Amino acid sequence: TTVYYDKALFAHAHIDFTAHRYAKAIQGFTQLLDKKPHSEWVPDAFLNRATAHVNQKQYLLAAQDYMSLLEAYPHHSHTKSALLALSEVWVQAGTPEKFQQYLTDYQAQHPDHSHLVQVAFDTAKTAFYDQRYASAIQQLKIFVTNYPKSESIAEAQFLLAEAYYRQRELPHAQAQYQVALEDTHTPFYNKILWRMGVLAYSLKEFDKALHYYQQQQASA
């Protein structure tokens, strides 16, 4: 029957995929997508073909597959994985800013997706730890504006201040650390006090620096 035929097409391509024969796997997944565009295996085929393209360093083709999956199956269980993978693909392609625009548009079309909040934070966090501080600043500013009630807001506020600090945008860093410090329950409280002391000292505001250091020691 057609169900078994679909499954066989996918299974054959997946054997090549798991054996790292990515070019053959791409051909197999393409055959399924072309012959059976309404099969239940289509989302898996898109996801696996995209991954095969990534392994072939065909980043734009991978991005197209991830976007096809996201647009055709916005409520599928693969959505979060596809969004996170798409962000990495555009980093590899040298155009990480494209993902931020795509995510903004996708959120506007699918505002009911709760996991988009975590995806938005994870991609911003990845930019920070990849030392792409300008991109991290842009994404974190959007995140703290759009999701002030998020469970990740304290970490986002801290990382935004840290990104400014590492970019040597010290006035912005100082202001953002102060914002982050307003949450006295933040797990980054001592780190923020230390940074505030360092910044005050570098600006020759010695009384302020001493105040922050004393606060930091008292709460340690």
N, C-alpha and C. Protein backbone atom coordinates (compact mmCIF):
# COMPACT_ATOMS: atom_id res chain seq x y z
N THR A 1 0.84 -1.20 0.00
CA THR A 1 0.00 0.00 0.00
C THR A 1 0.88 1.25 0.00
N THR A 2 0.22 2.39 -0.21
CA THR A 2 0.98 3.64 -0.29
C THR A 2 1.67 3.98 1.02
N VAL A 3 1.06 3.57 2.17
CA VAL A 3 1.68 3.85 3.47
C VAL A 3 3.01 3.13 3.60
N TYR A 4 3.03 1.86 3.20
CA TYR A 4 4.26 1.09 3.28
C TYR A 4 5.28 1.58 2.26
N TYR A 5 4.80 2.04 1.11
CA TYR A 5 5.70 2.57 0.08
C TYR A 5 6.38 3.84 0.60
N ASP A 6 5.60 4.72 1.23
CA ASP A 6 6.16 5.94 1.80
C ASP A 6 7.22 5.60 2.84
N LYS A 7 6.87 4.67 3.72
CA LYS A 7 7.79 4.29 4.80
C LYS A 7 9.06 3.68 4.22
N ALA A 8 8.92 2.89 3.17
CA ALA A 8 10.08 2.26 2.53
C ALA A 8 11.00 3.31 1.90
N LEU A 9 10.41 4.29 1.25
CA LEU A 9 11.21 5.37 0.66
C LEU A 9 12.01 6.10 1.73
N PHE A 10 11.33 6.40 2.85
CA PHE A 10 12.01 7.10 3.94
C PHE A 10 13.10 6.23 4.55
N ALA A 11 12.76 4.98 4.81
CA ALA A 11 13.71 4.07 5.46
C ALA A 11 14.97 3.89 4.61
N HIS A 12 14.79 3.76 3.30
CA HIS A 12 15.93 3.59 2.40
C HIS A 12 16.84 4.82 2.45
N ALA A 13 16.24 6.00 2.42
CA ALA A 13 17.03 7.23 2.49
C ALA A 13 17.70 7.37 3.85
N HIS A 14 16.98 6.94 4.89
CA HIS A 14 17.52 7.09 6.24
C HIS A 14 18.71 6.16 6.48
N ILE A 15 18.72 5.02 5.83
CA ILE A 15 19.88 4.12 5.92
C ILE A 15 21.13 4.83 5.38
N ASP A 16 20.98 5.49 4.23
CA ASP A 16 22.10 6.25 3.68
C ASP A 16 22.50 7.40 4.61
N PHE A 17 21.51 8.01 5.19
CA PHE A 17 21.77 9.14 6.10
C PHE A 17 22.59 8.69 7.31
N THR A 18 22.16 7.62 7.96
CA THR A 18 22.87 7.16 9.16
C THR A 18 24.25 6.60 8.83
N ALA A 19 24.45 6.18 7.57
CA ALA A 19 25.76 5.70 7.12
C ALA A 19 26.65 6.84 6.61
N HIS A 20 26.16 8.08 6.77
CA HIS A 20 26.90 9.28 6.36
C HIS A 20 27.08 9.39 4.83
N ARG A 21 26.21 8.70 4.10
CA ARG A 21 26.21 8.86 2.64
C ARG A 21 25.21 9.97 2.30
N TYR A 22 25.61 11.19 2.60
CA TYR A 22 24.66 12.29 2.60
C TYR A 22 24.12 12.64 1.22
N ALA A 23 24.96 12.54 0.20
CA ALA A 23 24.48 12.86 -1.16
C ALA A 23 23.38 11.89 -1.58
N LYS A 24 23.59 10.59 -1.30
CA LYS A 24 22.56 9.60 -1.63
C LYS A 24 21.32 9.79 -0.76
N ALA A 25 21.53 10.12 0.49
CA ALA A 25 20.39 10.36 1.39
C ALA A 25 19.54 11.52 0.88
N ILE A 26 20.20 12.58 0.45
CA ILE A 26 19.47 13.74 -0.09
C ILE A 26 18.62 13.32 -1.29
N GLN A 27 19.20 12.49 -2.16
CA GLN A 27 18.43 12.00 -3.32
C GLN A 27 17.22 11.20 -2.87
N GLY A 28 17.42 10.37 -1.84
CA GLY A 28 16.31 9.54 -1.35
C GLY A 28 15.21 10.35 -0.71
N PHE A 29 15.57 11.29 0.11
CA PHE A 29 14.55 12.14 0.75
C PHE A 29 13.84 13.00 -0.30
N THR A 30 14.59 13.44 -1.30
CA THR A 30 13.98 14.23 -2.38
C THR A 30 12.97 13.41 -3.15
N GLN A 31 13.29 12.13 -3.37
CA GLN A 31 12.36 11.24 -4.06
C GLN A 31 11.05 11.12 -3.29
N LEU A 32 11.14 10.97 -1.97
CA LEU A 32 9.93 10.90 -1.16
C LEU A 32 9.14 12.20 -1.24
N LEU A 33 9.83 13.32 -1.11
CA LEU A 33 9.15 14.62 -1.12
C LEU A 33 8.50 14.90 -2.46
N ASP A 34 9.14 14.48 -3.54
CA ASP A 34 8.58 14.71 -4.88
C ASP A 34 7.41 13.77 -5.19
N LYS A 35 7.56 12.50 -4.79
CA LYS A 35 6.54 11.50 -5.15
C LYS A 35 5.36 11.48 -4.20
N LYS A 36 5.63 11.78 -2.92
CA LYS A 36 4.59 11.69 -1.91
C LYS A 36 4.56 12.97 -1.05
N PRO A 37 4.18 14.09 -1.66
CA PRO A 37 4.22 15.37 -0.94
C PRO A 37 3.25 15.48 0.24
N HIS A 38 2.30 14.55 0.33
CA HIS A 38 1.33 14.59 1.43
C HIS A 38 1.53 13.45 2.43
N SER A 39 2.65 12.76 2.32
CA SER A 39 2.93 11.64 3.21
C SER A 39 3.17 12.11 4.64
N GLU A 40 2.86 11.23 5.59
CA GLU A 40 3.14 11.55 7.00
C GLU A 40 4.65 11.63 7.27
N TRP A 41 5.45 11.14 6.34
CA TRP A 41 6.91 11.14 6.52
C TRP A 41 7.56 12.42 5.99
N VAL A 42 6.78 13.31 5.41
CA VAL A 42 7.34 14.54 4.83
C VAL A 42 8.09 15.39 5.86
N PRO A 43 7.53 15.65 7.07
CA PRO A 43 8.29 16.45 8.03
C PRO A 43 9.65 15.84 8.38
N ASP A 44 9.67 14.51 8.56
CA ASP A 44 10.94 13.83 8.86
C ASP A 44 11.90 13.93 7.68
N ALA A 45 11.35 13.86 6.47
CA ALA A 45 12.20 13.95 5.28
C ALA A 45 12.82 15.34 5.17
N PHE A 46 12.02 16.37 5.42
CA PHE A 46 12.56 17.74 5.39
C PHE A 46 13.66 17.91 6.43
N LEU A 47 13.40 17.44 7.65
CA LEU A 47 14.37 17.63 8.73
C LEU A 47 15.68 16.88 8.44
N ASN A 48 15.54 15.64 7.99
CA ASN A 48 16.74 14.85 7.71
C ASN A 48 17.48 15.34 6.48
N ARG A 49 16.75 15.76 5.45
CA ARG A 49 17.42 16.29 4.26
C ARG A 49 18.16 17.58 4.60
N ALA A 50 17.56 18.40 5.44
CA ALA A 50 18.22 19.63 5.87
C ALA A 50 19.53 19.31 6.59
N THR A 51 19.47 18.33 7.50
CA THR A 51 20.68 17.94 8.23
C THR A 51 21.75 17.39 7.29
N ALA A 52 21.32 16.64 6.30
CA ALA A 52 22.26 16.12 5.30
C ALA A 52 22.90 17.27 4.53
N HIS A 53 22.10 18.27 4.18
CA HIS A 53 22.66 19.46 3.50
C HIS A 53 23.69 20.16 4.38
N VAL A 54 23.40 20.26 5.68
CA VAL A 54 24.35 20.89 6.60
C VAL A 54 25.67 20.13 6.59
N ASN A 55 25.59 18.81 6.63
CA ASN A 55 26.81 18.00 6.62
C ASN A 55 27.57 18.10 5.30
N GLN A 56 26.87 18.51 4.26
CA GLN A 56 27.50 18.75 2.96
C GLN A 56 27.92 20.22 2.81
N LYS A 57 27.71 20.99 3.87
CA LYS A 57 28.01 22.44 3.88
C LYS A 57 27.18 23.21 2.85
N GLN A 58 25.99 22.69 2.58
CA GLN A 58 25.06 23.35 1.66
C GLN A 58 24.04 24.11 2.52
N TYR A 59 24.49 25.20 3.10
CA TYR A 59 23.72 25.86 4.14
C TYR A 59 22.44 26.52 3.63
N LEU A 60 22.47 27.09 2.46
CA LEU A 60 21.26 27.74 1.94
C LEU A 60 20.18 26.71 1.62
N LEU A 61 20.60 25.56 1.09
CA LEU A 61 19.62 24.49 0.82
C LEU A 61 19.05 23.95 2.13
N ALA A 62 19.91 23.84 3.14
CA ALA A 62 19.43 23.39 4.46
C ALA A 62 18.41 24.38 5.01
N ALA A 63 18.71 25.67 4.90
CA ALA A 63 17.79 26.70 5.39
C ALA A 63 16.43 26.60 4.70
N GLN A 64 16.45 26.35 3.39
CA GLN A 64 15.18 26.22 2.65
C GLN A 64 14.36 25.06 3.17
N ASP A 65 15.03 23.94 3.49
CA ASP A 65 14.30 22.77 4.01
C ASP A 65 13.73 23.04 5.39
N TYR A 66 14.51 23.67 6.26
CA TYR A 66 13.99 23.99 7.59
C TYR A 66 12.79 24.92 7.49
N MET A 67 12.88 25.92 6.60
CA MET A 67 11.77 26.87 6.46
C MET A 67 10.55 26.19 5.84
N SER A 68 10.77 25.27 4.91
CA SER A 68 9.64 24.53 4.32
C SER A 68 8.91 23.73 5.39
N LEU A 69 9.68 23.09 6.27
CA LEU A 69 9.08 22.33 7.38
C LEU A 69 8.30 23.25 8.31
N LEU A 70 8.89 24.37 8.66
CA LEU A 70 8.26 25.29 9.61
C LEU A 70 6.98 25.91 9.05
N GLU A 71 7.00 26.21 7.76
CA GLU A 71 5.84 26.87 7.16
C GLU A 71 4.71 25.89 6.87
N ALA A 72 5.06 24.67 6.49
CA ALA A 72 4.02 23.68 6.16
C ALA A 72 3.48 22.97 7.40
N TYR A 73 4.32 22.86 8.45
CA TYR A 73 3.93 22.11 9.64
C TYR A 73 4.27 22.90 10.91
N PRO A 74 3.62 24.05 11.09
CA PRO A 74 3.98 24.93 12.22
C PRO A 74 3.73 24.33 13.60
N HIS A 75 2.88 23.30 13.68
CA HIS A 75 2.57 22.71 14.99
C HIS A 75 3.20 21.33 15.17
N HIS A 76 4.09 20.97 14.29
CA HIS A 76 4.73 19.65 14.37
C HIS A 76 5.75 19.63 15.51
N SER A 77 6.01 18.43 16.02
CA SER A 77 6.97 18.28 17.12
C SER A 77 8.40 18.66 16.72
N HIS A 78 8.66 18.70 15.40
CA HIS A 78 10.00 19.08 14.93
C HIS A 78 10.23 20.59 14.88
N THR A 79 9.20 21.38 15.16
CA THR A 79 9.29 22.83 14.97
C THR A 79 10.43 23.45 15.76
N LYS A 80 10.52 23.13 17.04
CA LYS A 80 11.57 23.73 17.86
C LYS A 80 12.95 23.35 17.36
N SER A 81 13.13 22.07 17.05
CA SER A 81 14.42 21.60 16.53
C SER A 81 14.78 22.32 15.23
N ALA A 82 13.79 22.49 14.37
CA ALA A 82 14.04 23.15 13.09
C ALA A 82 14.42 24.62 13.28
N LEU A 83 13.75 25.30 14.21
CA LEU A 83 14.08 26.70 14.47
C LEU A 83 15.50 26.85 15.01
N LEU A 84 15.86 26.02 15.96
CA LEU A 84 17.21 26.09 16.53
C LEU A 84 18.27 25.74 15.48
N ALA A 85 17.98 24.73 14.67
CA ALA A 85 18.92 24.35 13.61
C ALA A 85 19.04 25.45 12.56
N LEU A 86 17.91 26.11 12.26
CA LEU A 86 17.93 27.19 11.28
C LEU A 86 18.81 28.34 11.74
N SER A 87 18.76 28.63 13.02
CA SER A 87 19.61 29.72 13.54
C SER A 87 21.09 29.37 13.36
N GLU A 88 21.44 28.11 13.59
CA GLU A 88 22.83 27.68 13.44
C GLU A 88 23.25 27.69 11.97
N VAL A 89 22.34 27.32 11.09
CA VAL A 89 22.64 27.31 9.65
C VAL A 89 23.01 28.71 9.17
N TRP A 90 22.24 29.71 9.59
CA TRP A 90 22.54 31.06 9.12
C TRP A 90 23.80 31.63 9.76
N VAL A 91 24.15 31.13 10.94
CA VAL A 91 25.46 31.49 11.51
C VAL A 91 26.56 30.91 10.63
N GLN A 92 26.41 29.62 10.27
CA GLN A 92 27.41 28.98 9.41
C GLN A 92 27.50 29.65 8.05
N ALA A 93 26.38 30.14 7.56
CA ALA A 93 26.35 30.81 6.26
C ALA A 93 26.88 32.25 6.34
N GLY A 94 27.14 32.72 7.56
CA GLY A 94 27.67 34.07 7.73
C GLY A 94 26.62 35.15 7.74
N THR A 95 25.34 34.78 7.90
CA THR A 95 24.26 35.77 7.90
C THR A 95 23.32 35.52 9.08
N PRO A 96 23.84 35.61 10.33
CA PRO A 96 22.99 35.31 11.49
C PRO A 96 21.81 36.26 11.65
N GLU A 97 21.94 37.48 11.09
CA GLU A 97 20.85 38.45 11.23
C GLU A 97 19.59 37.98 10.50
N LYS A 98 19.73 37.09 9.52
CA LYS A 98 18.56 36.60 8.79
C LYS A 98 17.62 35.82 9.72
N PHE A 99 18.21 35.11 10.68
CA PHE A 99 17.35 34.32 11.57
C PHE A 99 16.51 35.22 12.45
N GLN A 100 17.07 36.31 12.94
CA GLN A 100 16.30 37.20 13.80
C GLN A 100 15.09 37.75 13.07
N GLN A 101 15.28 38.10 11.79
CA GLN A 101 14.16 38.60 10.99
C GLN A 101 13.14 37.48 10.77
N TYR A 102 13.63 36.27 10.47
CA TYR A 102 12.73 35.16 10.25
C TYR A 102 11.94 34.84 11.51
N LEU A 103 12.62 34.82 12.65
CA LEU A 103 11.95 34.51 13.92
C LEU A 103 10.89 35.56 14.24
N THR A 104 11.20 36.81 14.00
CA THR A 104 10.24 37.89 14.24
C THR A 104 8.98 37.68 13.39
N ASP A 105 9.18 37.37 12.12
CA ASP A 105 8.05 37.13 11.22
C ASP A 105 7.26 35.88 11.64
N TYR A 106 7.99 34.84 12.03
CA TYR A 106 7.35 33.58 12.42
C TYR A 106 6.53 33.76 13.69
N GLN A 107 7.05 34.55 14.63
CA GLN A 107 6.30 34.82 15.86
C GLN A 107 5.03 35.60 15.57
N ALA A 108 5.10 36.52 14.61
CA ALA A 108 3.91 37.29 14.25
C ALA A 108 2.83 36.39 13.64
N GLN A 109 3.26 35.39 12.88
CA GLN A 109 2.31 34.48 12.24
C GLN A 109 1.78 33.41 13.20
N HIS A 110 2.60 33.07 14.22
CA HIS A 110 2.23 31.98 15.13
C HIS A 110 2.43 32.42 16.59
N PRO A 111 1.68 33.41 17.02
CA PRO A 111 1.88 33.95 18.38
C PRO A 111 1.54 32.97 19.49
N ASP A 112 0.85 31.86 19.16
CA ASP A 112 0.42 30.91 20.17
C ASP A 112 1.51 29.89 20.51
N HIS A 113 2.63 29.94 19.83
CA HIS A 113 3.70 28.96 20.07
C HIS A 113 4.50 29.35 21.31
N SER A 114 4.28 28.66 22.40
CA SER A 114 4.96 29.00 23.65
C SER A 114 6.46 28.73 23.58
N HIS A 115 6.86 27.71 22.80
CA HIS A 115 8.28 27.38 22.76
C HIS A 115 9.11 28.40 22.00
N LEU A 116 8.46 29.32 21.28
CA LEU A 116 9.20 30.36 20.56
C LEU A 116 9.95 31.27 21.52
N VAL A 117 9.41 31.42 22.73
CA VAL A 117 10.08 32.24 23.74
C VAL A 117 11.45 31.64 24.07
N GLN A 118 11.47 30.33 24.29
CA GLN A 118 12.73 29.66 24.61
C GLN A 118 13.68 29.67 23.43
N VAL A 119 13.15 29.50 22.23
CA VAL A 119 14.00 29.55 21.03
C VAL A 119 14.64 30.93 20.89
N ALA A 120 13.85 31.98 21.11
CA ALA A 120 14.37 33.34 21.02
C ALA A 120 15.51 33.55 22.02
N PHE A 121 15.32 33.04 23.23
CA PHE A 121 16.37 33.20 24.25
C PHE A 121 17.59 32.34 23.92
N ASP A 122 17.36 31.12 23.52
CA ASP A 122 18.48 30.22 23.22
C ASP A 122 19.35 30.76 22.09
N THR A 123 18.74 31.34 21.07
CA THR A 123 19.53 31.86 19.95
C THR A 123 20.32 33.11 20.38
N ALA A 124 19.72 33.93 21.22
CA ALA A 124 20.43 35.10 21.74
C ALA A 124 21.60 34.67 22.62
N LYS A 125 21.34 33.68 23.44
CA LYS A 125 22.37 33.15 24.35
C LYS A 125 23.52 32.54 23.55
N THR A 126 23.18 31.81 22.49
CA THR A 126 24.21 31.22 21.63
C THR A 126 25.08 32.31 21.01
N ALA A 127 24.45 33.38 20.56
CA ALA A 127 25.21 34.50 19.98
C ALA A 127 26.18 35.07 21.01
N PHE A 128 25.73 35.19 22.24
CA PHE A 128 26.60 35.72 23.31
C PHE A 128 27.80 34.82 23.53
N TYR A 129 27.56 33.53 23.70
CA TYR A 129 28.66 32.61 24.00
C TYR A 129 29.55 32.32 22.79
N ASP A 130 29.04 32.64 21.60
CA ASP A 130 29.88 32.58 20.39
C ASP A 130 30.68 33.87 20.20
N GLN A 131 30.52 34.79 21.16
CA GLN A 131 31.23 36.08 21.15
C GLN A 131 30.78 36.98 19.99
N ARG A 132 29.55 36.77 19.53
CA ARG A 132 28.95 37.68 18.55
C ARG A 132 28.12 38.69 19.34
N TYR A 133 28.84 39.58 20.01
CA TYR A 133 28.18 40.43 21.00
C TYR A 133 27.21 41.44 20.40
N ALA A 134 27.53 41.97 19.24
CA ALA A 134 26.61 42.93 18.60
C ALA A 134 25.27 42.26 18.30
N SER A 135 25.34 41.02 17.77
CA SER A 135 24.12 40.28 17.48
C SER A 135 23.39 39.91 18.76
N ALA A 136 24.15 39.53 19.79
CA ALA A 136 23.54 39.17 21.07
C ALA A 136 22.81 40.37 21.67
N ILE A 137 23.42 41.54 21.60
CA ILE A 137 22.78 42.76 22.13
C ILE A 137 21.45 43.00 21.43
N GLN A 138 21.47 42.91 20.11
CA GLN A 138 20.24 43.15 19.35
C GLN A 138 19.14 42.17 19.76
N GLN A 139 19.50 40.88 19.83
CA GLN A 139 18.51 39.85 20.14
C GLN A 139 18.03 39.94 21.59
N LEU A 140 18.95 40.21 22.51
CA LEU A 140 18.57 40.28 23.93
C LEU A 140 17.70 41.50 24.20
N LYS A 141 17.96 42.61 23.52
CA LYS A 141 17.11 43.79 23.68
C LYS A 141 15.68 43.49 23.25
N ILE A 142 15.55 42.79 22.14
CA ILE A 142 14.22 42.40 21.66
C ILE A 142 13.56 41.46 22.66
N PHE A 143 14.36 40.51 23.17
CA PHE A 143 13.81 39.51 24.10
C PHE A 143 13.29 40.16 25.38
N VAL A 144 14.09 41.03 26.00
CA VAL A 144 13.65 41.62 27.28
C VAL A 144 12.46 42.56 27.08
N THR A 145 12.34 43.11 25.88
CA THR A 145 11.18 43.96 25.58
C THR A 145 9.92 43.13 25.36
N ASN A 146 10.08 42.04 24.60
CA ASN A 146 8.92 41.23 24.22
C ASN A 146 8.46 40.24 25.29
N TYR A 147 9.40 39.81 26.15
CA TYR A 147 9.07 38.76 27.11
C TYR A 147 9.50 39.13 28.53
N PRO A 148 8.99 40.22 29.07
CA PRO A 148 9.41 40.65 30.41
C PRO A 148 9.00 39.69 31.52
N LYS A 149 8.06 38.79 31.26
CA LYS A 149 7.60 37.83 32.27
C LYS A 149 8.24 36.45 32.11
N SER A 150 9.17 36.33 31.17
CA SER A 150 9.80 35.04 30.92
C SER A 150 10.61 34.57 32.13
N GLU A 151 10.68 33.25 32.30
CA GLU A 151 11.50 32.68 33.37
C GLU A 151 12.99 32.97 33.14
N SER A 152 13.34 33.31 31.91
CA SER A 152 14.75 33.57 31.57
C SER A 152 15.11 35.05 31.63
N ILE A 153 14.19 35.89 32.10
CA ILE A 153 14.41 37.34 32.01
C ILE A 153 15.62 37.79 32.83
N ALA A 154 15.85 37.21 34.02
CA ALA A 154 16.99 37.63 34.84
C ALA A 154 18.31 37.35 34.12
N GLU A 155 18.40 36.16 33.53
CA GLU A 155 19.62 35.81 32.79
C GLU A 155 19.78 36.68 31.56
N ALA A 156 18.66 36.97 30.88
CA ALA A 156 18.71 37.82 29.69
C ALA A 156 19.19 39.22 30.04
N GLN A 157 18.68 39.79 31.13
CA GLN A 157 19.11 41.13 31.56
C GLN A 157 20.61 41.14 31.88
N PHE A 158 21.08 40.10 32.54
CA PHE A 158 22.50 40.01 32.89
C PHE A 158 23.37 39.85 31.65
N LEU A 159 22.97 38.95 30.75
CA LEU A 159 23.76 38.74 29.53
C LEU A 159 23.80 39.97 28.65
N LEU A 160 22.71 40.74 28.63
CA LEU A 160 22.70 41.98 27.87
C LEU A 160 23.73 42.95 28.42
N ALA A 161 23.78 43.08 29.74
CA ALA A 161 24.78 43.94 30.36
C ALA A 161 26.19 43.43 30.06
N GLU A 162 26.38 42.12 30.16
CA GLU A 162 27.69 41.52 29.89
C GLU A 162 28.12 41.75 28.43
N ALA A 163 27.17 41.65 27.51
CA ALA A 163 27.49 41.87 26.10
C ALA A 163 27.95 43.31 25.87
N TYR A 164 27.26 44.26 26.48
CA TYR A 164 27.70 45.66 26.40
C TYR A 164 29.11 45.81 26.99
N TYR A 165 29.33 45.17 28.13
CA TYR A 165 30.64 45.27 28.80
C TYR A 165 31.75 44.73 27.91
N ARG A 166 31.51 43.60 27.28
CA ARG A 166 32.54 42.97 26.45
C ARG A 166 32.73 43.68 25.13
N GLN A 167 31.73 44.47 24.75
CA GLN A 167 31.87 45.33 23.57
C GLN A 167 32.54 46.66 23.94
N ARG A 168 32.82 46.82 25.22
CA ARG A 168 33.40 48.05 25.77
C ARG A 168 32.47 49.24 25.60
N GLU A 169 31.18 48.97 25.56
CA GLU A 169 30.17 50.03 25.58
C GLU A 169 29.81 50.26 27.04
N LEU A 170 30.74 50.88 27.76
CA LEU A 170 30.67 50.90 29.22
C LEU A 170 29.48 51.68 29.79
N PRO A 171 29.13 52.85 29.23
CA PRO A 171 27.93 53.54 29.76
C PRO A 171 26.67 52.70 29.63
N HIS A 172 26.52 52.01 28.47
CA HIS A 172 25.36 51.13 28.28
C HIS A 172 25.43 49.95 29.25
N ALA A 173 26.65 49.41 29.43
CA ALA A 173 26.80 48.29 30.36
C ALA A 173 26.42 48.70 31.78
N GLN A 174 26.90 49.86 32.20
CA GLN A 174 26.61 50.34 33.55
C GLN A 174 25.11 50.50 33.77
N ALA A 175 24.45 51.10 32.78
CA ALA A 175 23.00 51.30 32.87
C ALA A 175 22.25 49.96 32.91
N GLN A 176 22.70 49.01 32.08
CA GLN A 176 22.01 47.72 32.02
C GLN A 176 22.28 46.88 33.27
N TYR A 177 23.48 46.94 33.83
CA TYR A 177 23.72 46.25 35.10
C TYR A 177 22.79 46.79 36.19
N GLN A 178 22.55 48.09 36.15
CA GLN A 178 21.67 48.70 37.13
C GLN A 178 20.24 48.17 36.98
N VAL A 179 19.81 48.00 35.73
CA VAL A 179 18.49 47.41 35.47
C VAL A 179 18.44 45.99 36.00
N ALA A 180 19.48 45.22 35.71
CA ALA A 180 19.53 43.82 36.17
C ALA A 180 19.55 43.73 37.69
N LEU A 181 20.15 44.73 38.31
CA LEU A 181 20.30 44.73 39.77
C LEU A 181 18.98 45.02 40.48
N GLU A 182 17.99 45.53 39.75
CA GLU A 182 16.69 45.83 40.36
C GLU A 182 15.99 44.56 40.85
N ASP A 183 16.33 43.44 40.24
CA ASP A 183 15.80 42.16 40.71
C ASP A 183 16.76 41.63 41.77
N THR A 184 16.43 41.85 43.02
CA THR A 184 17.34 41.46 44.11
C THR A 184 17.44 39.95 44.29
N HIS A 185 16.56 39.21 43.61
CA HIS A 185 16.59 37.75 43.70
C HIS A 185 17.32 37.12 42.51
N THR A 186 17.88 37.93 41.63
CA THR A 186 18.58 37.39 40.48
C THR A 186 19.76 36.54 40.95
N PRO A 187 19.96 35.38 40.33
CA PRO A 187 21.11 34.55 40.72
C PRO A 187 22.45 35.17 40.34
N PHE A 188 22.40 36.28 39.61
CA PHE A 188 23.63 36.95 39.17
C PHE A 188 23.93 38.19 40.02
N TYR A 189 23.26 38.29 41.17
CA TYR A 189 23.34 39.50 41.99
C TYR A 189 24.79 39.85 42.37
N ASN A 190 25.55 38.89 42.87
CA ASN A 190 26.93 39.16 43.28
C ASN A 190 27.83 39.50 42.09
N LYS A 191 27.60 38.82 40.97
CA LYS A 191 28.39 39.11 39.78
C LYS A 191 28.14 40.54 39.29
N ILE A 192 26.87 40.94 39.38
CA ILE A 192 26.51 42.30 38.94
C ILE A 192 27.16 43.34 39.85
N LEU A 193 27.10 43.12 41.16
CA LEU A 193 27.74 44.06 42.10
C LEU A 193 29.23 44.17 41.82
N TRP A 194 29.87 43.05 41.56
CA TRP A 194 31.30 43.07 41.25
C TRP A 194 31.58 43.87 39.98
N ARG A 195 30.80 43.61 38.94
CA ARG A 195 30.97 44.35 37.68
C ARG A 195 30.73 45.84 37.90
N MET A 196 29.71 46.19 38.65
CA MET A 196 29.42 47.60 38.92
C MET A 196 30.58 48.26 39.65
N GLY A 197 31.20 47.51 40.58
CA GLY A 197 32.37 48.04 41.27
C GLY A 197 33.52 48.26 40.33
N VAL A 198 33.77 47.30 39.45
CA VAL A 198 34.85 47.42 38.46
C VAL A 198 34.63 48.62 37.54
N LEU A 199 33.38 48.76 37.07
CA LEU A 199 33.06 49.88 36.17
C LEU A 199 33.22 51.22 36.89
N ALA A 200 32.71 51.31 38.11
CA ALA A 200 32.84 52.56 38.87
C ALA A 200 34.31 52.90 39.09
N TYR A 201 35.12 51.91 39.41
CA TYR A 201 36.55 52.14 39.63
C TYR A 201 37.23 52.62 38.35
N SER A 202 36.88 52.01 37.21
CA SER A 202 37.49 52.41 35.94
C SER A 202 37.12 53.83 35.55
N LEU A 203 35.96 54.28 36.03
CA LEU A 203 35.51 55.66 35.76
C LEU A 203 35.95 56.63 36.87
N LYS A 204 36.82 56.12 37.78
CA LYS A 204 37.36 56.91 38.90
C LYS A 204 36.26 57.37 39.87
N GLU A 205 35.18 56.60 39.92
CA GLU A 205 34.12 56.86 40.88
C GLU A 205 34.38 55.96 42.10
N PHE A 206 35.39 56.33 42.87
CA PHE A 206 35.93 55.43 43.89
C PHE A 206 34.95 55.17 45.04
N ASP A 207 34.17 56.18 45.40
CA ASP A 207 33.19 55.97 46.47
C ASP A 207 32.14 54.95 46.05
N LYS A 208 31.68 55.08 44.79
CA LYS A 208 30.71 54.11 44.27
C LYS A 208 31.31 52.71 44.20
N ALA A 209 32.55 52.65 43.75
CA ALA A 209 33.22 51.35 43.63
C ALA A 209 33.29 50.67 45.00
N LEU A 210 33.68 51.43 46.02
CA LEU A 210 33.77 50.88 47.38
C LEU A 210 32.41 50.41 47.86
N HIS A 211 31.38 51.20 47.55
CA HIS A 211 30.01 50.84 47.95
C HIS A 211 29.60 49.50 47.34
N TYR A 212 29.85 49.31 46.05
CA TYR A 212 29.47 48.06 45.39
C TYR A 212 30.28 46.88 45.92
N TYR A 213 31.57 47.10 46.16
CA TYR A 213 32.40 46.01 46.69
C TYR A 213 31.92 45.60 48.09
N GLN A 214 31.55 46.58 48.91
CA GLN A 214 31.05 46.27 50.24
C GLN A 214 29.73 45.53 50.19
N GLN A 215 28.86 45.94 49.26
CA GLN A 215 27.60 45.23 49.06
C GLN A 215 27.84 43.79 48.63
N GLN A 216 28.79 43.63 47.73
CA GLN A 216 29.11 42.30 47.21
C GLN A 216 29.63 41.39 48.31
N GLN A 217 30.50 41.93 49.16
CA GLN A 217 31.06 41.14 50.26
C GLN A 217 29.97 40.80 51.29
N ALA A 218 29.08 41.74 51.52
CA ALA A 218 28.02 41.53 52.52
C ALA A 218 27.03 40.46 52.07
N SER A 219 26.82 40.34 50.77
CA SER A 219 25.82 39.40 50.27
C SER A 219 26.44 38.08 49.83
N ALA A 220 27.76 38.00 49.87
CA ALA A 220 28.46 36.78 49.42
C ALA A 220 28.18 35.62 50.37
